[in-house]
Amino acid sequence: MSEMKSWNCPHCGGTIVPDENGKPLTKCPFCDSLLELDTRSTEQKTYEAFKQV
């Protein structure tokens, strides 16, 4: 079972939970800002940063 991740909207601070399909684009339910969420795991981000060095 995967754990659900949440983010805070950079515009209003509201809690954002991405849709279940894992789409990176979502709207803040509080201020309607269009947001692109980075849904990569910490391991993926670290690996990609390492590859660029």
PDB file of N, CA and C in Angstrom:
ATOM      1  N   MET A   1       0.843  -1.171   0.000  1.00  0.00           N
ATOM      2  CA  MET A   1       0.000   0.000   0.000  1.00  0.00           C
ATOM      3  C   MET A   1       0.892   1.239   0.000  1.00  0.00           C
ATOM      4  N   SER A   2       0.628   2.182  -0.900  1.00  0.00           N
ATOM      5  CA  SER A   2       1.438   3.396  -0.964  1.00  0.00           C
ATOM      6  C   SER A   2       0.834   4.471  -0.076  1.00  0.00           C
ATOM      7  N   GLU A   3       1.697   5.266   0.517  1.00  0.00           N
ATOM      8  CA  GLU A   3       1.193   6.329   1.384  1.00  0.00           C
ATOM      9  C   GLU A   3       0.865   7.553   0.547  1.00  0.00           C
ATOM     10  N   MET A   4      -0.195   8.257   0.939  1.00  0.00           N
ATOM     11  CA  MET A   4      -0.636   9.433   0.199  1.00  0.00           C
ATOM     12  C   MET A   4       0.195  10.628   0.625  1.00  0.00           C
ATOM     13  N   LYS A   5       0.738  11.325  -0.348  1.00  0.00           N
ATOM     14  CA  LYS A   5       1.555  12.501  -0.113  1.00  0.00           C
ATOM     15  C   LYS A   5       0.696  13.741  -0.237  1.00  0.00           C
ATOM     16  N   SER A   6       1.051  14.783   0.488  1.00  0.00           N
ATOM     17  CA  SER A   6       0.325  16.038   0.321  1.00  0.00           C
ATOM     18  C   SER A   6       1.332  17.176   0.242  1.00  0.00           C
ATOM     19  N   TRP A   7       0.926  18.260  -0.369  1.00  0.00           N
ATOM     20  CA  TRP A   7       1.744  19.448  -0.540  1.00  0.00           C
ATOM     21  C   TRP A   7       0.969  20.644  -0.017  1.00  0.00           C
ATOM     22  N   ASN A   8       1.659  21.763   0.161  1.00  0.00           N
ATOM     23  CA  ASN A   8       0.997  23.018   0.495  1.00  0.00           C
ATOM     24  C   ASN A   8       1.074  23.934  -0.720  1.00  0.00           C
ATOM     25  N   CYS A   9      -0.020  24.604  -0.996  1.00  0.00           N
ATOM     26  CA  CYS A   9      -0.072  25.531  -2.116  1.00  0.00           C
ATOM     27  C   CYS A   9       0.884  26.697  -1.846  1.00  0.00           C
ATOM     28  N   PRO A  10       1.756  27.033  -2.802  1.00  0.00           N
ATOM     29  CA  PRO A  10       2.690  28.137  -2.591  1.00  0.00           C
ATOM     30  C   PRO A  10       1.998  29.507  -2.585  1.00  0.00           C
ATOM     31  N   HIS A  11       0.756  29.560  -3.045  1.00  0.00           N
ATOM     32  CA  HIS A  11       0.037  30.832  -3.119  1.00  0.00           C
ATOM     33  C   HIS A  11      -0.777  31.120  -1.863  1.00  0.00           C
ATOM     34  N   CYS A  12      -1.511  30.107  -1.365  1.00  0.00           N
ATOM     35  CA  CYS A  12      -2.402  30.346  -0.224  1.00  0.00           C
ATOM     36  C   CYS A  12      -2.072  29.495   0.991  1.00  0.00           C
ATOM     37  N   GLY A  13      -1.200  28.473   0.832  1.00  0.00           N
ATOM     38  CA  GLY A  13      -0.827  27.615   1.954  1.00  0.00           C
ATOM     39  C   GLY A  13      -1.780  26.463   2.196  1.00  0.00           C
ATOM     40  N   GLY A  14      -2.827  26.355   1.388  1.00  0.00           N
ATOM     41  CA  GLY A  14      -3.797  25.262   1.551  1.00  0.00           C
ATOM     42  C   GLY A  14      -3.177  23.911   1.249  1.00  0.00           C
ATOM     43  N   THR A  15      -3.707  22.871   1.863  1.00  0.00           N
ATOM     44  CA  THR A  15      -3.201  21.518   1.653  1.00  0.00           C
ATOM     45  C   THR A  15      -3.721  20.961   0.341  1.00  0.00           C
ATOM     46  N   ILE A  16      -2.794  20.458  -0.480  1.00  0.00           N
ATOM     47  CA  ILE A  16      -3.108  19.900  -1.790  1.00  0.00           C
ATOM     48  C   ILE A  16      -2.824  18.404  -1.744  1.00  0.00           C
ATOM     49  N   VAL A  17      -3.777  17.600  -2.154  1.00  0.00           N
ATOM     50  CA  VAL A  17      -3.578  16.164  -2.301  1.00  0.00           C
ATOM     51  C   VAL A  17      -3.784  15.865  -3.780  1.00  0.00           C
ATOM     52  N   PRO A  18      -2.768  15.293  -4.445  1.00  0.00           N
ATOM     53  CA  PRO A  18      -2.903  15.035  -5.883  1.00  0.00           C
ATOM     54  C   PRO A  18      -4.000  14.009  -6.152  1.00  0.00           C
ATOM     55  N   ASP A  19      -4.530  14.025  -7.370  1.00  0.00           N
ATOM     56  CA  ASP A  19      -5.566  13.048  -7.700  1.00  0.00           C
ATOM     57  C   ASP A  19      -4.971  11.645  -7.716  1.00  0.00           C
ATOM     58  N   GLU A  20      -5.829  10.662  -7.622  1.00  0.00           N
ATOM     59  CA  GLU A  20      -5.394   9.268  -7.492  1.00  0.00           C
ATOM     60  C   GLU A  20      -4.695   8.741  -8.730  1.00  0.00           C
ATOM     61  N   ASN A  21      -4.839   9.402  -9.868  1.00  0.00           N
ATOM     62  CA  ASN A  21      -4.203   8.962 -11.104  1.00  0.00           C
ATOM     63  C   ASN A  21      -2.749   9.402 -11.197  1.00  0.00           C
ATOM     64  N   GLY A  22      -2.282  10.209 -10.239  1.00  0.00           N
ATOM     65  CA  GLY A  22      -0.900  10.636 -10.216  1.00  0.00           C
ATOM     66  C   GLY A  22      -0.554  11.703 -11.234  1.00  0.00           C
ATOM     67  N   LYS A  23      -1.551  12.406 -11.741  1.00  0.00           N
ATOM     68  CA  LYS A  23      -1.284  13.465 -12.714  1.00  0.00           C
ATOM     69  C   LYS A  23      -0.531  14.608 -12.030  1.00  0.00           C
ATOM     70  N   PRO A  24       0.502  15.144 -12.669  1.00  0.00           N
ATOM     71  CA  PRO A  24       1.289  16.199 -12.030  1.00  0.00           C
ATOM     72  C   PRO A  24       0.594  17.554 -11.979  1.00  0.00           C
ATOM     73  N   LEU A  25      -0.374  17.811 -12.864  1.00  0.00           N
ATOM     74  CA  LEU A  25      -1.076  19.095 -12.849  1.00  0.00           C
ATOM     75  C   LEU A  25      -2.354  18.974 -12.036  1.00  0.00           C
ATOM     76  N   THR A  26      -2.555  19.912 -11.130  1.00  0.00           N
ATOM     77  CA  THR A  26      -3.759  19.927 -10.316  1.00  0.00           C
ATOM     78  C   THR A  26      -4.116  21.362  -9.972  1.00  0.00           C
ATOM     79  N   LYS A  27      -5.310  21.569  -9.505  1.00  0.00           N
ATOM     80  CA  LYS A  27      -5.760  22.894  -9.084  1.00  0.00           C
ATOM     81  C   LYS A  27      -5.895  22.915  -7.577  1.00  0.00           C
ATOM     82  N   CYS A  28      -5.488  24.015  -6.977  1.00  0.00           N
ATOM     83  CA  CYS A  28      -5.676  24.196  -5.539  1.00  0.00           C
ATOM     84  C   CYS A  28      -7.179  24.349  -5.285  1.00  0.00           C
ATOM     85  N   PRO A  29      -7.751  23.560  -4.375  1.00  0.00           N
ATOM     86  CA  PRO A  29      -9.186  23.664  -4.116  1.00  0.00           C
ATOM     87  C   PRO A  29      -9.566  24.935  -3.353  1.00  0.00           C
ATOM     88  N   PHE A  30      -8.563  25.651  -2.842  1.00  0.00           N
ATOM     89  CA  PHE A  30      -8.836  26.842  -2.043  1.00  0.00           C
ATOM     90  C   PHE A  30      -8.735  28.137  -2.853  1.00  0.00           C
ATOM     91  N   CYS A  31      -7.689  28.269  -3.708  1.00  0.00           N
ATOM     92  CA  CYS A  31      -7.497  29.521  -4.453  1.00  0.00           C
ATOM     93  C   CYS A  31      -7.539  29.320  -5.968  1.00  0.00           C
ATOM     94  N   ASP A  32      -7.773  28.096  -6.426  1.00  0.00           N
ATOM     95  CA  ASP A  32      -7.879  27.747  -7.846  1.00  0.00           C
ATOM     96  C   ASP A  32      -6.604  27.977  -8.645  1.00  0.00           C
ATOM     97  N   SER A  33      -5.443  28.063  -7.979  1.00  0.00           N
ATOM     98  CA  SER A  33      -4.169  28.175  -8.704  1.00  0.00           C
ATOM     99  C   SER A  33      -3.862  26.849  -9.379  1.00  0.00           C
ATOM    100  N   LEU A  34      -3.362  26.893 -10.599  1.00  0.00           N
ATOM    101  CA  LEU A  34      -2.937  25.698 -11.310  1.00  0.00           C
ATOM    102  C   LEU A  34      -1.513  25.379 -10.871  1.00  0.00           C
ATOM    103  N   LEU A  35      -1.297  24.160 -10.399  1.00  0.00           N
ATOM    104  CA  LEU A  35      -0.003  23.769  -9.841  1.00  0.00           C
ATOM    105  C   LEU A  35       0.522  22.519 -10.533  1.00  0.00           C
ATOM    106  N   GLU A  36       1.842  22.461 -10.685  1.00  0.00           N
ATOM    107  CA  GLU A  36       2.485  21.257 -11.189  1.00  0.00           C
ATOM    108  C   GLU A  36       3.224  20.626 -10.012  1.00  0.00           C
ATOM    109  N   LEU A  37       2.779  19.448  -9.602  1.00  0.00           N
ATOM    110  CA  LEU A  37       3.362  18.770  -8.453  1.00  0.00           C
ATOM    111  C   LEU A  37       4.491  17.859  -8.900  1.00  0.00           C
ATOM    112  N   ASP A  38       5.550  17.832  -8.119  1.00  0.00           N
ATOM    113  CA  ASP A  38       6.671  16.934  -8.384  1.00  0.00           C
ATOM    114  C   ASP A  38       6.389  15.646  -7.621  1.00  0.00           C
ATOM    115  N   THR A  39       5.913  14.627  -8.322  1.00  0.00           N
ATOM    116  CA  THR A  39       5.501  13.383  -7.676  1.00  0.00           C
ATOM    117  C   THR A  39       6.608  12.327  -7.647  1.00  0.00           C
ATOM    118  N   ARG A  40       7.825  12.728  -8.044  1.00  0.00           N
ATOM    119  CA  ARG A  40       8.933  11.768  -8.000  1.00  0.00           C
ATOM    120  C   ARG A  40       9.314  11.478  -6.559  1.00  0.00           C
ATOM    121  N   SER A  41       9.793  10.266  -6.322  1.00  0.00           N
ATOM    122  CA  SER A  41      10.246   9.896  -4.983  1.00  0.00           C
ATOM    123  C   SER A  41      11.583  10.573  -4.694  1.00  0.00           C
ATOM    124  N   THR A  42      11.954  10.616  -3.444  1.00  0.00           N
ATOM    125  CA  THR A  42      13.237  11.186  -3.036  1.00  0.00           C
ATOM    126  C   THR A  42      14.385  10.448  -3.725  1.00  0.00           C
ATOM    127  N   GLU A  43      14.254   9.120  -3.857  1.00  0.00           N
ATOM    128  CA  GLU A  43      15.293   8.328  -4.508  1.00  0.00           C
ATOM    129  C   GLU A  43      15.427   8.711  -5.981  1.00  0.00           C
ATOM    130  N   GLN A  44      14.305   8.943  -6.653  1.00  0.00           N
ATOM    131  CA  GLN A  44      14.352   9.345  -8.062  1.00  0.00           C
ATOM    132  C   GLN A  44      15.023  10.695  -8.219  1.00  0.00           C
ATOM    133  N   LYS A  45      14.690  11.648  -7.355  1.00  0.00           N
ATOM    134  CA  LYS A  45      15.286  12.982  -7.424  1.00  0.00           C
ATOM    135  C   LYS A  45      16.790  12.913  -7.184  1.00  0.00           C
ATOM    136  N   THR A  46      17.206  12.116  -6.211  1.00  0.00           N
ATOM    137  CA  THR A  46      18.628  11.975  -5.887  1.00  0.00           C
ATOM    138  C   THR A  46      19.376  11.355  -7.056  1.00  0.00           C
ATOM    139  N   TYR A  47      18.797  10.325  -7.643  1.00  0.00           N
ATOM    140  CA  TYR A  47      19.442   9.649  -8.776  1.00  0.00           C
ATOM    141  C   TYR A  47      19.586  10.600  -9.965  1.00  0.00           C
ATOM    142  N   GLU A  48      18.535  11.344 -10.265  1.00  0.00           N
ATOM    143  CA  GLU A  48      18.591  12.267 -11.393  1.00  0.00           C
ATOM    144  C   GLU A  48      19.594  13.389 -11.159  1.00  0.00           C
ATOM    145  N   ALA A  49      19.708  13.868  -9.925  1.00  0.00           N
ATOM    146  CA  ALA A  49      20.701  14.881  -9.598  1.00  0.00           C
ATOM    147  C   ALA A  49      22.115  14.313  -9.743  1.00  0.00           C
ATOM    148  N   PHE A  50      22.308  13.081  -9.321  1.00  0.00           N
ATOM    149  CA  PHE A  50      23.605  12.400  -9.420  1.00  0.00           C
ATOM    150  C   PHE A  50      24.016  12.219 -10.886  1.00  0.00           C
ATOM    151  N   LYS A  51      23.061  11.861 -11.751  1.00  0.00           N
ATOM    152  CA  LYS A  51      23.341  11.646 -13.176  1.00  0.00           C
ATOM    153  C   LYS A  51      23.800  12.930 -13.852  1.00  0.00           C
ATOM    154  N   GLN A  52      23.350  14.084 -13.374  1.00  0.00           N
ATOM    155  CA  GLN A  52      23.692  15.358 -14.022  1.00  0.00           C
ATOM    156  C   GLN A  52      25.079  15.847 -13.653  1.00  0.00           C
ATOM    157  N   VAL A  53      25.674  15.282 -12.640  1.00  0.00           N
ATOM    158  CA  VAL A  53      27.009  15.746 -12.195  1.00  0.00           C
ATOM    159  C   VAL A  53      28.074  15.276 -13.132  1.00  0.00           C
TER     160      VAL A  53
END
